[in-house]
């Protein structure tokens, strides 16, 4: 695939998360199924900080409008990760950044699962 691949392509050659999902870049895997891959963030913002990504390339949250089933699978995987990491009982945060102004740092949609301590700055 080229760097100009669209959201419908399975893999984008220069996408960091596509390389991680493919195993070309090592990661600390936490969870995986046919549609989703989850791994520890290399710069954690909490004791538990896991990224949940679709196996196929979707550049951002807007791309999930075309595949609401995948959106549900990502959220379900986030809940599975929280259970695996032992934070489901005390609580955790799931965050998604979209686009430059939303502070999305990698152009592959991903959910952050954060927990393991009292988090600050909640939205309500």
PDB file of N, CA and C in Angstrom:
ATOM      1  N   UNK A   1       0.844  -1.182   0.000  1.00  0.00           N
ATOM      2  CA  UNK A   1       0.000   0.000   0.000  1.00  0.00           C
ATOM      3  C   UNK A   1       0.884   1.240   0.000  1.00  0.00           C
ATOM      4  N   UNK A   2       0.342   2.291  -0.484  1.00  0.00           N
ATOM      5  CA  UNK A   2       1.088   3.542  -0.483  1.00  0.00           C
ATOM      6  C   UNK A   2       0.660   4.399   0.691  1.00  0.00           C
ATOM      7  N   UNK A   3       1.417   5.459   0.924  1.00  0.00           N
ATOM      8  CA  UNK A   3       1.063   6.388   1.992  1.00  0.00           C
ATOM      9  C   UNK A   3      -0.255   7.085   1.696  1.00  0.00           C
ATOM     10  N   UNK A   4      -0.692   7.057   0.461  1.00  0.00           N
ATOM     11  CA  UNK A   4      -1.942   7.704   0.077  1.00  0.00           C
ATOM     12  C   UNK A   4      -3.132   6.758   0.146  1.00  0.00           C
ATOM     13  N   UNK A   5      -2.962   5.632   0.782  1.00  0.00           N
ATOM     14  CA  UNK A   5      -4.059   4.677   0.876  1.00  0.00           C
ATOM     15  C   UNK A   5      -5.235   5.297   1.625  1.00  0.00           C
ATOM     16  N   UNK A   6      -6.422   4.818   1.322  1.00  0.00           N
ATOM     17  CA  UNK A   6      -7.621   5.359   1.953  1.00  0.00           C
ATOM     18  C   UNK A   6      -8.001   4.541   3.171  1.00  0.00           C
ATOM     19  N   UNK A   7      -9.015   5.020   3.894  1.00  0.00           N
ATOM     20  CA  UNK A   7      -9.465   4.330   5.090  1.00  0.00           C
ATOM     21  C   UNK A   7      -9.937   2.915   4.803  1.00  0.00           C
ATOM     22  N   UNK A   8     -10.299   2.599   3.577  1.00  0.00           N
ATOM     23  CA  UNK A   8     -10.799   1.269   3.266  1.00  0.00           C
ATOM     24  C   UNK A   8      -9.671   0.254   3.101  1.00  0.00           C
ATOM     25  N   UNK A   9      -8.437   0.703   3.011  1.00  0.00           N
ATOM     26  CA  UNK A   9      -7.320  -0.219   2.891  1.00  0.00           C
ATOM     27  C   UNK A   9      -7.021  -0.848   4.245  1.00  0.00           C
ATOM     28  N   UNK A  10      -6.557  -2.088   4.227  1.00  0.00           N
ATOM     29  CA  UNK A  10      -6.264  -2.779   5.471  1.00  0.00           C
ATOM     30  C   UNK A  10      -5.026  -2.221   6.166  1.00  0.00           C
ATOM     31  N   UNK A  11      -4.004  -1.853   5.399  1.00  0.00           N
ATOM     32  CA  UNK A  11      -2.732  -1.416   5.954  1.00  0.00           C
ATOM     33  C   UNK A  11      -2.222  -0.222   5.166  1.00  0.00           C
ATOM     34  N   UNK A  12      -1.659   0.742   5.885  1.00  0.00           N
ATOM     35  CA  UNK A  12      -0.995   1.875   5.255  1.00  0.00           C
ATOM     36  C   UNK A  12       0.489   1.739   5.579  1.00  0.00           C
ATOM     37  N   UNK A  13       1.329   1.733   4.568  1.00  0.00           N
ATOM     38  CA  UNK A  13       2.742   1.396   4.709  1.00  0.00           C
ATOM     39  C   UNK A  13       3.479   2.253   5.733  1.00  0.00           C
ATOM     40  N   UNK A  14       3.166   3.528   5.822  1.00  0.00           N
ATOM     41  CA  UNK A  14       3.913   4.386   6.738  1.00  0.00           C
ATOM     42  C   UNK A  14       3.176   4.651   8.053  1.00  0.00           C
ATOM     43  N   UNK A  15       2.154   3.869   8.363  1.00  0.00           N
ATOM     44  CA  UNK A  15       1.379   4.050   9.593  1.00  0.00           C
ATOM     45  C   UNK A  15       2.025   3.264  10.743  1.00  0.00           C
ATOM     46  N   UNK A  16       2.385   3.966  11.799  1.00  0.00           N
ATOM     47  CA  UNK A  16       3.010   3.347  12.962  1.00  0.00           C
ATOM     48  C   UNK A  16       2.153   2.219  13.526  1.00  0.00           C
ATOM     49  N   UNK A  17       0.848   2.454  13.694  1.00  0.00           N
ATOM     50  CA  UNK A  17       0.003   1.439  14.307  1.00  0.00           C
ATOM     51  C   UNK A  17      -0.231   0.259  13.372  1.00  0.00           C
ATOM     52  N   UNK A  18      -0.291   0.485  12.066  1.00  0.00           N
ATOM     53  CA  UNK A  18      -0.383  -0.643  11.124  1.00  0.00           C
ATOM     54  C   UNK A  18       0.852  -1.529  11.255  1.00  0.00           C
ATOM     55  N   UNK A  19       2.023  -0.912  11.436  1.00  0.00           N
ATOM     56  CA  UNK A  19       3.260  -1.685  11.600  1.00  0.00           C
ATOM     57  C   UNK A  19       3.246  -2.470  12.910  1.00  0.00           C
ATOM     58  N   UNK A  20       2.703  -1.871  13.972  1.00  0.00           N
ATOM     59  CA  UNK A  20       2.617  -2.573  15.254  1.00  0.00           C
ATOM     60  C   UNK A  20       1.669  -3.761  15.135  1.00  0.00           C
ATOM     61  N   UNK A  21       0.496  -3.546  14.539  1.00  0.00           N
ATOM     62  CA  UNK A  21      -0.481  -4.629  14.370  1.00  0.00           C
ATOM     63  C   UNK A  21       0.123  -5.769  13.544  1.00  0.00           C
ATOM     64  N   UNK A  22       0.897  -5.425  12.520  1.00  0.00           N
ATOM     65  CA  UNK A  22       1.502  -6.441  11.653  1.00  0.00           C
ATOM     66  C   UNK A  22       2.684  -7.150  12.308  1.00  0.00           C
ATOM     67  N   UNK A  23       3.165  -6.633  13.437  1.00  0.00           N
ATOM     68  CA  UNK A  23       4.307  -7.240  14.110  1.00  0.00           C
ATOM     69  C   UNK A  23       5.643  -6.738  13.626  1.00  0.00           C
ATOM     70  N   UNK A  24       5.650  -5.761  12.717  1.00  0.00           N
ATOM     71  CA  UNK A  24       6.903  -5.212  12.206  1.00  0.00           C
ATOM     72  C   UNK A  24       7.599  -4.338  13.246  1.00  0.00           C
ATOM     73  N   UNK A  25       6.839  -3.796  14.175  1.00  0.00           N
ATOM     74  CA  UNK A  25       7.373  -3.036  15.304  1.00  0.00           C
ATOM     75  C   UNK A  25       6.880  -3.751  16.560  1.00  0.00           C
ATOM     76  N   UNK A  26       7.794  -4.076  17.472  1.00  0.00           N
ATOM     77  CA  UNK A  26       7.369  -4.793  18.671  1.00  0.00           C
ATOM     78  C   UNK A  26       6.478  -3.945  19.576  1.00  0.00           C
ATOM     79  N   UNK A  27       5.600  -4.633  20.300  1.00  0.00           N
ATOM     80  CA  UNK A  27       4.729  -3.961  21.264  1.00  0.00           C
ATOM     81  C   UNK A  27       4.481  -4.906  22.422  1.00  0.00           C
ATOM     82  N   UNK A  28       3.963  -4.338  23.504  1.00  0.00           N
ATOM     83  CA  UNK A  28       3.577  -5.131  24.662  1.00  0.00           C
ATOM     84  C   UNK A  28       2.075  -5.381  24.546  1.00  0.00           C
ATOM     85  N   UNK A  29       1.726  -6.466  23.874  1.00  0.00           N
ATOM     86  CA  UNK A  29       0.328  -6.790  23.592  1.00  0.00           C
ATOM     87  C   UNK A  29      -0.418  -7.114  24.879  1.00  0.00           C
ATOM     88  N   UNK A  30      -1.642  -6.566  24.975  1.00  0.00           N
ATOM     89  CA  UNK A  30      -2.519  -6.811  26.116  1.00  0.00           C
ATOM     90  C   UNK A  30      -3.722  -7.644  25.707  1.00  0.00           C
ATOM     91  N   UNK A  31      -4.218  -7.416  24.495  1.00  0.00           N
ATOM     92  CA  UNK A  31      -5.447  -8.069  24.030  1.00  0.00           C
ATOM     93  C   UNK A  31      -5.419  -8.087  22.509  1.00  0.00           C
ATOM     94  N   UNK A  32      -6.012  -9.114  21.933  1.00  0.00           N
ATOM     95  CA  UNK A  32      -6.146  -9.175  20.481  1.00  0.00           C
ATOM     96  C   UNK A  32      -7.308 -10.097  20.117  1.00  0.00           C
ATOM     97  N   UNK A  33      -7.997  -9.723  19.047  1.00  0.00           N
ATOM     98  CA  UNK A  33      -8.997 -10.594  18.446  1.00  0.00           C
ATOM     99  C   UNK A  33      -8.941 -10.368  16.943  1.00  0.00           C
ATOM    100  N   UNK A  34      -9.914 -10.854  16.214  1.00  0.00           N
ATOM    101  CA  UNK A  34      -9.874 -10.756  14.756  1.00  0.00           C
ATOM    102  C   UNK A  34      -9.918  -9.321  14.236  1.00  0.00           C
ATOM    103  N   UNK A  35     -10.543  -8.408  14.981  1.00  0.00           N
ATOM    104  CA  UNK A  35     -10.739  -7.039  14.501  1.00  0.00           C
ATOM    105  C   UNK A  35      -9.911  -5.998  15.228  1.00  0.00           C
ATOM    106  N   UNK A  36      -9.434  -6.320  16.434  1.00  0.00           N
ATOM    107  CA  UNK A  36      -8.858  -5.320  17.327  1.00  0.00           C
ATOM    108  C   UNK A  36      -7.534  -5.821  17.896  1.00  0.00           C
ATOM    109  N   UNK A  37      -6.641  -4.867  18.138  1.00  0.00           N
ATOM    110  CA  UNK A  37      -5.341  -5.154  18.756  1.00  0.00           C
ATOM    111  C   UNK A  37      -5.110  -4.102  19.835  1.00  0.00           C
ATOM    112  N   UNK A  38      -4.676  -4.525  21.024  1.00  0.00           N
ATOM    113  CA  UNK A  38      -4.434  -3.585  22.124  1.00  0.00           C
ATOM    114  C   UNK A  38      -3.042  -3.810  22.696  1.00  0.00           C
ATOM    115  N   UNK A  39      -2.362  -2.704  22.985  1.00  0.00           N
ATOM    116  CA  UNK A  39      -0.989  -2.767  23.469  1.00  0.00           C
ATOM    117  C   UNK A  39      -0.708  -1.594  24.398  1.00  0.00           C
ATOM    118  N   UNK A  40       0.300  -1.750  25.252  1.00  0.00           N
ATOM    119  CA  UNK A  40       0.649  -0.703  26.206  1.00  0.00           C
ATOM    120  C   UNK A  40       1.256   0.507  25.500  1.00  0.00           C
ATOM    121  N   UNK A  41       0.846   1.685  25.950  1.00  0.00           N
ATOM    122  CA  UNK A  41       1.408   2.939  25.445  1.00  0.00           C
ATOM    123  C   UNK A  41       2.865   3.044  25.893  1.00  0.00           C
ATOM    124  N   UNK A  42       3.747   3.501  25.014  1.00  0.00           N
ATOM    125  CA  UNK A  42       5.169   3.612  25.370  1.00  0.00           C
ATOM    126  C   UNK A  42       5.462   4.830  26.246  1.00  0.00           C
ATOM    127  N   UNK A  43       4.503   5.746  26.366  1.00  0.00           N
ATOM    128  CA  UNK A  43       4.652   6.918  27.232  1.00  0.00           C
ATOM    129  C   UNK A  43       3.400   7.024  28.106  1.00  0.00           C
ATOM    130  N   UNK A  44       3.239   6.090  29.056  1.00  0.00           N
ATOM    131  CA  UNK A  44       1.987   6.022  29.807  1.00  0.00           C
ATOM    132  C   UNK A  44       1.702   7.267  30.631  1.00  0.00           C
ATOM    133  N   UNK A  45       0.414   7.640  30.650  1.00  0.00           N
ATOM    134  CA  UNK A  45      -0.055   8.777  31.425  1.00  0.00           C
ATOM    135  C   UNK A  45      -0.722   8.338  32.714  1.00  0.00           C
ATOM    136  N   UNK A  46      -0.788   7.036  32.960  1.00  0.00           N
ATOM    137  CA  UNK A  46      -1.376   6.447  34.159  1.00  0.00           C
ATOM    138  C   UNK A  46      -0.754   5.062  34.327  1.00  0.00           C
ATOM    139  N   UNK A  47      -0.889   4.451  35.502  1.00  0.00           N
ATOM    140  CA  UNK A  47      -0.335   3.106  35.681  1.00  0.00           C
ATOM    141  C   UNK A  47      -0.832   2.107  34.636  1.00  0.00           C
ATOM    142  N   UNK A  48      -2.085   2.220  34.238  1.00  0.00           N
ATOM    143  CA  UNK A  48      -2.612   1.439  33.115  1.00  0.00           C
ATOM    144  C   UNK A  48      -2.866   2.428  31.988  1.00  0.00           C
ATOM    145  N   UNK A  49      -2.196   2.238  30.871  1.00  0.00           N
ATOM    146  CA  UNK A  49      -2.415   3.064  29.681  1.00  0.00           C
ATOM    147  C   UNK A  49      -2.225   2.160  28.472  1.00  0.00           C
ATOM    148  N   UNK A  50      -3.342   1.713  27.944  1.00  0.00           N
ATOM    149  CA  UNK A  50      -3.354   0.757  26.829  1.00  0.00           C
ATOM    150  C   UNK A  50      -4.045   1.403  25.641  1.00  0.00           C
ATOM    151  N   UNK A  51      -3.484   1.222  24.460  1.00  0.00           N
ATOM    152  CA  UNK A  51      -4.082   1.704  23.219  1.00  0.00           C
ATOM    153  C   UNK A  51      -4.834   0.561  22.551  1.00  0.00           C
ATOM    154  N   UNK A  52      -6.049   0.839  22.124  1.00  0.00           N
ATOM    155  CA  UNK A  52      -6.896  -0.144  21.457  1.00  0.00           C
ATOM    156  C   UNK A  52      -7.101   0.356  20.034  1.00  0.00           C
ATOM    157  N   UNK A  53      -6.665  -0.428  19.045  1.00  0.00           N
ATOM    158  CA  UNK A  53      -6.717  -0.018  17.645  1.00  0.00           C
ATOM    159  C   UNK A  53      -7.404  -1.074  16.794  1.00  0.00           C
ATOM    160  N   UNK A  54      -8.062  -0.658  15.723  1.00  0.00           N
ATOM    161  CA  UNK A  54      -8.561  -1.672  14.782  1.00  0.00           C
ATOM    162  C   UNK A  54      -7.385  -2.265  14.005  1.00  0.00           C
ATOM    163  N   UNK A  55      -7.494  -3.527  13.655  1.00  0.00           N
ATOM    164  CA  UNK A  55      -6.427  -4.160  12.867  1.00  0.00           C
ATOM    165  C   UNK A  55      -6.321  -3.530  11.477  1.00  0.00           C
ATOM    166  N   UNK A  56      -7.452  -3.140  10.915  1.00  0.00           N
ATOM    167  CA  UNK A  56      -7.405  -2.490   9.606  1.00  0.00           C
ATOM    168  C   UNK A  56      -7.254  -0.987   9.808  1.00  0.00           C
ATOM    169  N   UNK A  57      -6.661  -0.340   8.850  1.00  0.00           N
ATOM    170  CA  UNK A  57      -6.397   1.083   8.968  1.00  0.00           C
ATOM    171  C   UNK A  57      -7.685   1.901   8.823  1.00  0.00           C
ATOM    172  N   UNK A  58      -7.936   2.708   9.836  1.00  0.00           N
ATOM    173  CA  UNK A  58      -8.984   3.728   9.820  1.00  0.00           C
ATOM    174  C   UNK A  58      -8.292   4.966  10.364  1.00  0.00           C
ATOM    175  N   UNK A  59      -8.252   6.037   9.599  1.00  0.00           N
ATOM    176  CA  UNK A  59      -7.404   7.165   9.971  1.00  0.00           C
ATOM    177  C   UNK A  59      -7.864   7.920  11.204  1.00  0.00           C
ATOM    178  N   UNK A  60      -9.153   7.959  11.467  1.00  0.00           N
ATOM    179  CA  UNK A  60      -9.632   8.690  12.631  1.00  0.00           C
ATOM    180  C   UNK A  60     -11.048   8.291  12.983  1.00  0.00           C
ATOM    181  N   UNK A  61     -11.561   8.917  14.016  1.00  0.00           N
ATOM    182  CA  UNK A  61     -12.894   8.598  14.515  1.00  0.00           C
ATOM    183  C   UNK A  61     -13.961   8.751  13.441  1.00  0.00           C
ATOM    184  N   UNK A  62     -13.832   9.760  12.587  1.00  0.00           N
ATOM    185  CA  UNK A  62     -14.809   9.956  11.511  1.00  0.00           C
ATOM    186  C   UNK A  62     -14.920   8.742  10.601  1.00  0.00           C
ATOM    187  N   UNK A  63     -13.827   8.010  10.437  1.00  0.00           N
ATOM    188  CA  UNK A  63     -13.834   6.826   9.589  1.00  0.00           C
ATOM    189  C   UNK A  63     -14.721   5.709  10.119  1.00  0.00           C
ATOM    190  N   UNK A  64     -15.049   5.748  11.401  1.00  0.00           N
ATOM    191  CA  UNK A  64     -15.897   4.706  11.985  1.00  0.00           C
ATOM    192  C   UNK A  64     -17.370   4.901  11.660  1.00  0.00           C
ATOM    193  N   UNK A  65     -17.739   6.068  11.116  1.00  0.00           N
ATOM    194  CA  UNK A  65     -19.138   6.290  10.719  1.00  0.00           C
ATOM    195  C   UNK A  65     -19.570   5.262   9.691  1.00  0.00           C
ATOM    196  N   UNK A  66     -18.641   4.834   8.872  1.00  0.00           N
ATOM    197  CA  UNK A  66     -18.943   3.860   7.817  1.00  0.00           C
ATOM    198  C   UNK A  66     -18.981   2.426   8.344  1.00  0.00           C
ATOM    199  N   UNK A  67     -18.500   2.229   9.574  1.00  0.00           N
ATOM    200  CA  UNK A  67     -18.450   0.880  10.140  1.00  0.00           C
ATOM    201  C   UNK A  67     -18.793   0.934  11.630  1.00  0.00           C
ATOM    202  N   UNK A  68     -20.068   1.179  11.962  1.00  0.00           N
ATOM    203  CA  UNK A  68     -20.437   1.267  13.371  1.00  0.00           C
ATOM    204  C   UNK A  68     -20.188  -0.034  14.139  1.00  0.00           C
ATOM    205  N   UNK A  69     -20.193  -1.160  13.445  1.00  0.00           N
ATOM    206  CA  UNK A  69     -19.886  -2.417  14.130  1.00  0.00           C
ATOM    207  C   UNK A  69     -18.460  -2.403  14.666  1.00  0.00           C
ATOM    208  N   UNK A  70     -17.529  -1.854  13.885  1.00  0.00           N
ATOM    209  CA  UNK A  70     -16.140  -1.765  14.333  1.00  0.00           C
ATOM    210  C   UNK A  70     -16.035  -0.831  15.536  1.00  0.00           C
ATOM    211  N   UNK A  71     -16.793   0.247  15.545  1.00  0.00           N
ATOM    212  CA  UNK A  71     -16.799   1.157  16.697  1.00  0.00           C
ATOM    213  C   UNK A  71     -17.220   0.391  17.951  1.00  0.00           C
ATOM    214  N   UNK A  72     -18.247  -0.432  17.838  1.00  0.00           N
ATOM    215  CA  UNK A  72     -18.689  -1.238  18.968  1.00  0.00           C
ATOM    216  C   UNK A  72     -17.643  -2.241  19.405  1.00  0.00           C
ATOM    217  N   UNK A  73     -16.960  -2.842  18.445  1.00  0.00           N
ATOM    218  CA  UNK A  73     -15.904  -3.801  18.786  1.00  0.00           C
ATOM    219  C   UNK A  73     -14.754  -3.122  19.526  1.00  0.00           C
ATOM    220  N   UNK A  74     -14.420  -1.892  19.130  1.00  0.00           N
ATOM    221  CA  UNK A  74     -13.357  -1.148  19.815  1.00  0.00           C
ATOM    222  C   UNK A  74     -13.743  -0.856  21.265  1.00  0.00           C
ATOM    223  N   UNK A  75     -14.993  -0.428  21.480  1.00  0.00           N
ATOM    224  CA  UNK A  75     -15.439  -0.135  22.845  1.00  0.00           C
ATOM    225  C   UNK A  75     -15.510  -1.408  23.690  1.00  0.00           C
ATOM    226  N   UNK A  76     -15.971  -2.482  23.104  1.00  0.00           N
ATOM    227  CA  UNK A  76     -16.019  -3.752  23.824  1.00  0.00           C
ATOM    228  C   UNK A  76     -14.610  -4.210  24.184  1.00  0.00           C
ATOM    229  N   UNK A  77     -13.674  -4.045  23.257  1.00  0.00           N
ATOM    230  CA  UNK A  77     -12.280  -4.411  23.536  1.00  0.00           C
ATOM    231  C   UNK A  77     -11.713  -3.539  24.655  1.00  0.00           C
ATOM    232  N   UNK A  78     -12.066  -2.248  24.683  1.00  0.00           N
ATOM    233  CA  UNK A  78     -11.602  -1.369  25.759  1.00  0.00           C
ATOM    234  C   UNK A  78     -12.091  -1.883  27.108  1.00  0.00           C
ATOM    235  N   UNK A  79     -13.348  -2.312  27.182  1.00  0.00           N
ATOM    236  CA  UNK A  79     -13.880  -2.873  28.424  1.00  0.00           C
ATOM    237  C   UNK A  79     -13.168  -4.184  28.784  1.00  0.00           C
ATOM    238  N   UNK A  80     -12.850  -4.998  27.793  1.00  0.00           N
ATOM    239  CA  UNK A  80     -12.097  -6.232  28.031  1.00  0.00           C
ATOM    240  C   UNK A  80     -10.707  -5.923  28.574  1.00  0.00           C
ATOM    241  N   UNK A  81     -10.058  -4.915  28.009  1.00  0.00           N
ATOM    242  CA  UNK A  81      -8.733  -4.504  28.474  1.00  0.00           C
ATOM    243  C   UNK A  81      -8.819  -4.058  29.936  1.00  0.00           C
ATOM    244  N   UNK A  82      -9.825  -3.260  30.284  1.00  0.00           N
ATOM    245  CA  UNK A  82      -9.982  -2.797  31.666  1.00  0.00           C
ATOM    246  C   UNK A  82     -10.119  -3.986  32.613  1.00  0.00           C
ATOM    247  N   UNK A  83     -10.859  -4.986  32.199  1.00  0.00           N
ATOM    248  CA  UNK A  83     -11.022  -6.185  33.028  1.00  0.00           C
ATOM    249  C   UNK A  83      -9.685  -6.933  33.142  1.00  0.00           C
ATOM    250  N   UNK A  84      -9.000  -7.124  32.030  1.00  0.00           N
ATOM    251  CA  UNK A  84      -7.709  -7.818  32.043  1.00  0.00           C
ATOM    252  C   UNK A  84      -6.682  -7.095  32.900  1.00  0.00           C
ATOM    253  N   UNK A  85      -6.743  -5.770  32.897  1.00  0.00           N
ATOM    254  CA  UNK A  85      -5.780  -4.961  33.647  1.00  0.00           C
ATOM    255  C   UNK A  85      -6.206  -4.727  35.097  1.00  0.00           C
ATOM    256  N   UNK A  86      -7.390  -5.233  35.473  1.00  0.00           N
ATOM    257  CA  UNK A  86      -7.838  -5.157  36.850  1.00  0.00           C
ATOM    258  C   UNK A  86      -8.348  -3.799  37.298  1.00  0.00           C
ATOM    259  N   UNK A  87      -8.758  -2.945  36.349  1.00  0.00           N
ATOM    260  CA  UNK A  87      -9.259  -1.618  36.724  1.00  0.00           C
ATOM    261  C   UNK A  87     -10.765  -1.483  36.525  1.00  0.00           C
ATOM    262  N   UNK A  88     -11.419  -2.540  36.092  1.00  0.00           N
ATOM    263  CA  UNK A  88     -12.858  -2.454  35.820  1.00  0.00           C
ATOM    264  C   UNK A  88     -13.667  -2.159  37.075  1.00  0.00           C
ATOM    265  N   UNK A  89     -13.212  -2.613  38.233  1.00  0.00           N
ATOM    266  CA  UNK A  89     -13.960  -2.407  39.465  1.00  0.00           C
ATOM    267  C   UNK A  89     -13.815  -1.012  40.051  1.00  0.00           C
ATOM    268  N   UNK A  90     -12.634  -0.436  39.921  1.00  0.00           N
ATOM    269  CA  UNK A  90     -12.379   0.889  40.498  1.00  0.00           C
ATOM    270  C   UNK A  90     -12.676   2.023  39.531  1.00  0.00           C
ATOM    271  N   UNK A  91     -12.704   1.722  38.252  1.00  0.00           N
ATOM    272  CA  UNK A  91     -12.993   2.723  37.234  1.00  0.00           C
ATOM    273  C   UNK A  91     -11.803   2.994  36.339  1.00  0.00           C
ATOM    274  N   UNK A  92     -12.118   3.501  35.170  1.00  0.00           N
ATOM    275  CA  UNK A  92     -11.101   3.789  34.161  1.00  0.00           C
ATOM    276  C   UNK A  92     -11.671   4.805  33.188  1.00  0.00           C
ATOM    277  N   UNK A  93     -10.808   5.371  32.379  1.00  0.00           N
ATOM    278  CA  UNK A  93     -11.209   6.346  31.369  1.00  0.00           C
ATOM    279  C   UNK A  93     -10.890   5.781  29.995  1.00  0.00           C
ATOM    280  N   UNK A  94     -11.800   6.001  29.045  1.00  0.00           N
ATOM    281  CA  UNK A  94     -11.557   5.686  27.637  1.00  0.00           C
ATOM    282  C   UNK A  94     -11.609   7.007  26.894  1.00  0.00           C
ATOM    283  N   UNK A  95     -10.531   7.333  26.187  1.00  0.00           N
ATOM    284  CA  UNK A  95     -10.443   8.610  25.479  1.00  0.00           C
ATOM    285  C   UNK A  95     -10.065   8.375  24.029  1.00  0.00           C
ATOM    286  N   UNK A  96     -10.607   9.233  23.159  1.00  0.00           N
ATOM    287  CA  UNK A  96     -10.269   9.202  21.737  1.00  0.00           C
ATOM    288  C   UNK A  96      -9.942  10.625  21.316  1.00  0.00           C
ATOM    289  N   UNK A  97      -8.786  10.809  20.724  1.00  0.00           N
ATOM    290  CA  UNK A  97      -8.404  12.102  20.154  1.00  0.00           C
ATOM    291  C   UNK A  97      -8.631  12.028  18.651  1.00  0.00           C
ATOM    292  N   UNK A  98      -9.164  13.102  18.074  1.00  0.00           N
ATOM    293  CA  UNK A  98      -9.408  13.098  16.628  1.00  0.00           C
ATOM    294  C   UNK A  98      -8.889  14.387  16.008  1.00  0.00           C
ATOM    295  N   UNK A  99      -8.027  14.233  15.029  1.00  0.00           N
ATOM    296  CA  UNK A  99      -7.519  15.371  14.269  1.00  0.00           C
ATOM    297  C   UNK A  99      -6.494  16.203  15.029  1.00  0.00           C
ATOM    298  N   UNK A 100      -5.940  17.150  14.325  1.00  0.00           N
ATOM    299  CA  UNK A 100      -4.868  17.981  14.880  1.00  0.00           C
ATOM    300  C   UNK A 100      -5.327  18.747  16.110  1.00  0.00           C
ATOM    301  N   UNK A 101      -6.466  19.404  16.037  1.00  0.00           N
ATOM    302  CA  UNK A 101      -6.948  20.182  17.177  1.00  0.00           C
ATOM    303  C   UNK A 101      -7.389  19.288  18.330  1.00  0.00           C
ATOM    304  N   UNK A 102      -7.688  18.053  18.052  1.00  0.00           N
ATOM    305  CA  UNK A 102      -8.049  17.093  19.087  1.00  0.00           C
ATOM    306  C   UNK A 102      -6.845  16.355  19.650  1.00  0.00           C
ATOM    307  N   UNK A 103      -5.647  16.726  19.202  1.00  0.00           N
ATOM    308  CA  UNK A 103      -4.374  16.169  19.689  1.00  0.00           C
ATOM    309  C   UNK A 103      -4.157  14.713  19.278  1.00  0.00           C
ATOM    310  N   UNK A 104      -4.697  14.303  18.122  1.00  0.00           N
ATOM    311  CA  UNK A 104      -4.438  12.946  17.621  1.00  0.00           C
ATOM    312  C   UNK A 104      -3.002  12.902  17.118  1.00  0.00           C
ATOM    313  N   UNK A 105      -2.181  12.055  17.707  1.00  0.00           N
ATOM    314  CA  UNK A 105      -0.758  12.027  17.365  1.00  0.00           C
ATOM    315  C   UNK A 105      -0.407  10.996  16.296  1.00  0.00           C
ATOM    316  N   UNK A 106      -1.235   9.976  16.105  1.00  0.00           N
ATOM    317  CA  UNK A 106      -1.009   8.956  15.073  1.00  0.00           C
ATOM    318  C   UNK A 106      -2.280   8.864  14.241  1.00  0.00           C
ATOM    319  N   UNK A 107      -2.138   8.893  12.931  1.00  0.00           N
ATOM    320  CA  UNK A 107      -3.281   8.900  12.021  1.00  0.00           C
ATOM    321  C   UNK A 107      -3.915   7.538  11.822  1.00  0.00           C
ATOM    322  N   UNK A 108      -4.190   6.855  12.902  1.00  0.00           N
ATOM    323  CA  UNK A 108      -4.875   5.554  12.914  1.00  0.00           C
ATOM    324  C   UNK A 108      -5.746   5.610  14.163  1.00  0.00           C
ATOM    325  N   UNK A 109      -7.056   5.509  14.008  1.00  0.00           N
ATOM    326  CA  UNK A 109      -7.947   5.675  15.159  1.00  0.00           C
ATOM    327  C   UNK A 109      -7.517   4.751  16.302  1.00  0.00           C
ATOM    328  N   UNK A 110      -7.535   5.289  17.513  1.00  0.00           N
ATOM    329  CA  UNK A 110      -7.159   4.496  18.676  1.00  0.00           C
ATOM    330  C   UNK A 110      -7.839   5.030  19.925  1.00  0.00           C
ATOM    331  N   UNK A 111      -8.183   4.108  20.799  1.00  0.00           N
ATOM    332  CA  UNK A 111      -8.770   4.431  22.091  1.00  0.00           C
ATOM    333  C   UNK A 111      -7.698   4.269  23.146  1.00  0.00           C
ATOM    334  N   UNK A 112      -7.654   5.226  24.061  1.00  0.00           N
ATOM    335  CA  UNK A 112      -6.765   5.143  25.216  1.00  0.00           C
ATOM    336  C   UNK A 112      -7.587   4.591  26.379  1.00  0.00           C
ATOM    337  N   UNK A 113      -7.115   3.547  27.020  1.00  0.00           N
ATOM    338  CA  UNK A 113      -7.717   3.032  28.243  1.00  0.00           C
ATOM    339  C   UNK A 113      -6.752   3.385  29.368  1.00  0.00           C
ATOM    340  N   UNK A 114      -7.217   4.242  30.284  1.00  0.00           N
ATOM    341  CA  UNK A 114      -6.370   4.746  31.361  1.00  0.00           C
ATOM    342  C   UNK A 114      -6.984   4.403  32.709  1.00  0.00           C
ATOM    343  N   UNK A 115      -6.159   3.981  33.644  1.00  0.00           N
ATOM    344  CA  UNK A 115      -6.650   3.669  34.979  1.00  0.00           C
ATOM    345  C   UNK A 115      -5.513   3.306  35.905  1.00  0.00           C
ATOM    346  N   UNK A 116      -5.879   2.759  37.047  1.00  0.00           N
ATOM    347  CA  UNK A 116      -4.881   2.343  38.021  1.00  0.00           C
ATOM    348  C   UNK A 116      -4.599   3.367  39.088  1.00  0.00           C
ATOM    349  N   UNK A 117      -5.214   4.529  39.026  1.00  0.00           N
ATOM    350  CA  UNK A 117      -5.124   5.576  40.038  1.00  0.00           C
ATOM    351  C   UNK A 117      -6.301   6.515  39.843  1.00  0.00           C
ATOM    352  N   UNK A 118      -6.509   7.381  40.817  1.00  0.00           N
ATOM    353  CA  UNK A 118      -7.566   8.388  40.681  1.00  0.00           C
ATOM    354  C   UNK A 118      -7.155   9.365  39.577  1.00  0.00           C
ATOM    355  N   UNK A 119      -7.941   9.440  38.521  1.00  0.00           N
ATOM    356  CA  UNK A 119      -7.653  10.335  37.409  1.00  0.00           C
ATOM    357  C   UNK A 119      -8.243  11.701  37.707  1.00  0.00           C
ATOM    358  N   UNK A 120      -7.589  12.741  37.238  1.00  0.00           N
ATOM    359  CA  UNK A 120      -8.026  14.123  37.458  1.00  0.00           C
ATOM    360  C   UNK A 120      -8.607  14.700  36.170  1.00  0.00           C
ATOM    361  N   UNK A 121      -9.337  15.784  36.300  1.00  0.00           N
ATOM    362  CA  UNK A 121      -9.794  16.507  35.127  1.00  0.00           C
ATOM    363  C   UNK A 121     -10.937  15.855  34.378  1.00  0.00           C
ATOM    364  N   UNK A 122     -11.799  15.142  35.060  1.00  0.00           N
ATOM    365  CA  UNK A 122     -12.927  14.504  34.406  1.00  0.00           C
ATOM    366  C   UNK A 122     -13.880  15.504  33.773  1.00  0.00           C
ATOM    367  N   UNK A 123     -14.605  15.065  32.795  1.00  0.00           N
ATOM    368  CA  UNK A 123     -15.553  15.916  32.081  1.00  0.00           C
ATOM    369  C   UNK A 123     -16.938  15.853  32.690  1.00  0.00           C
ATOM    370  N   UNK A 124     -17.142  15.044  33.667  1.00  0.00           N
ATOM    371  CA  UNK A 124     -18.455  15.022  34.311  1.00  0.00           C
ATOM    372  C   UNK A 124     -19.008  13.672  34.566  1.00  0.00           C
TER     373      UNK A 124
END
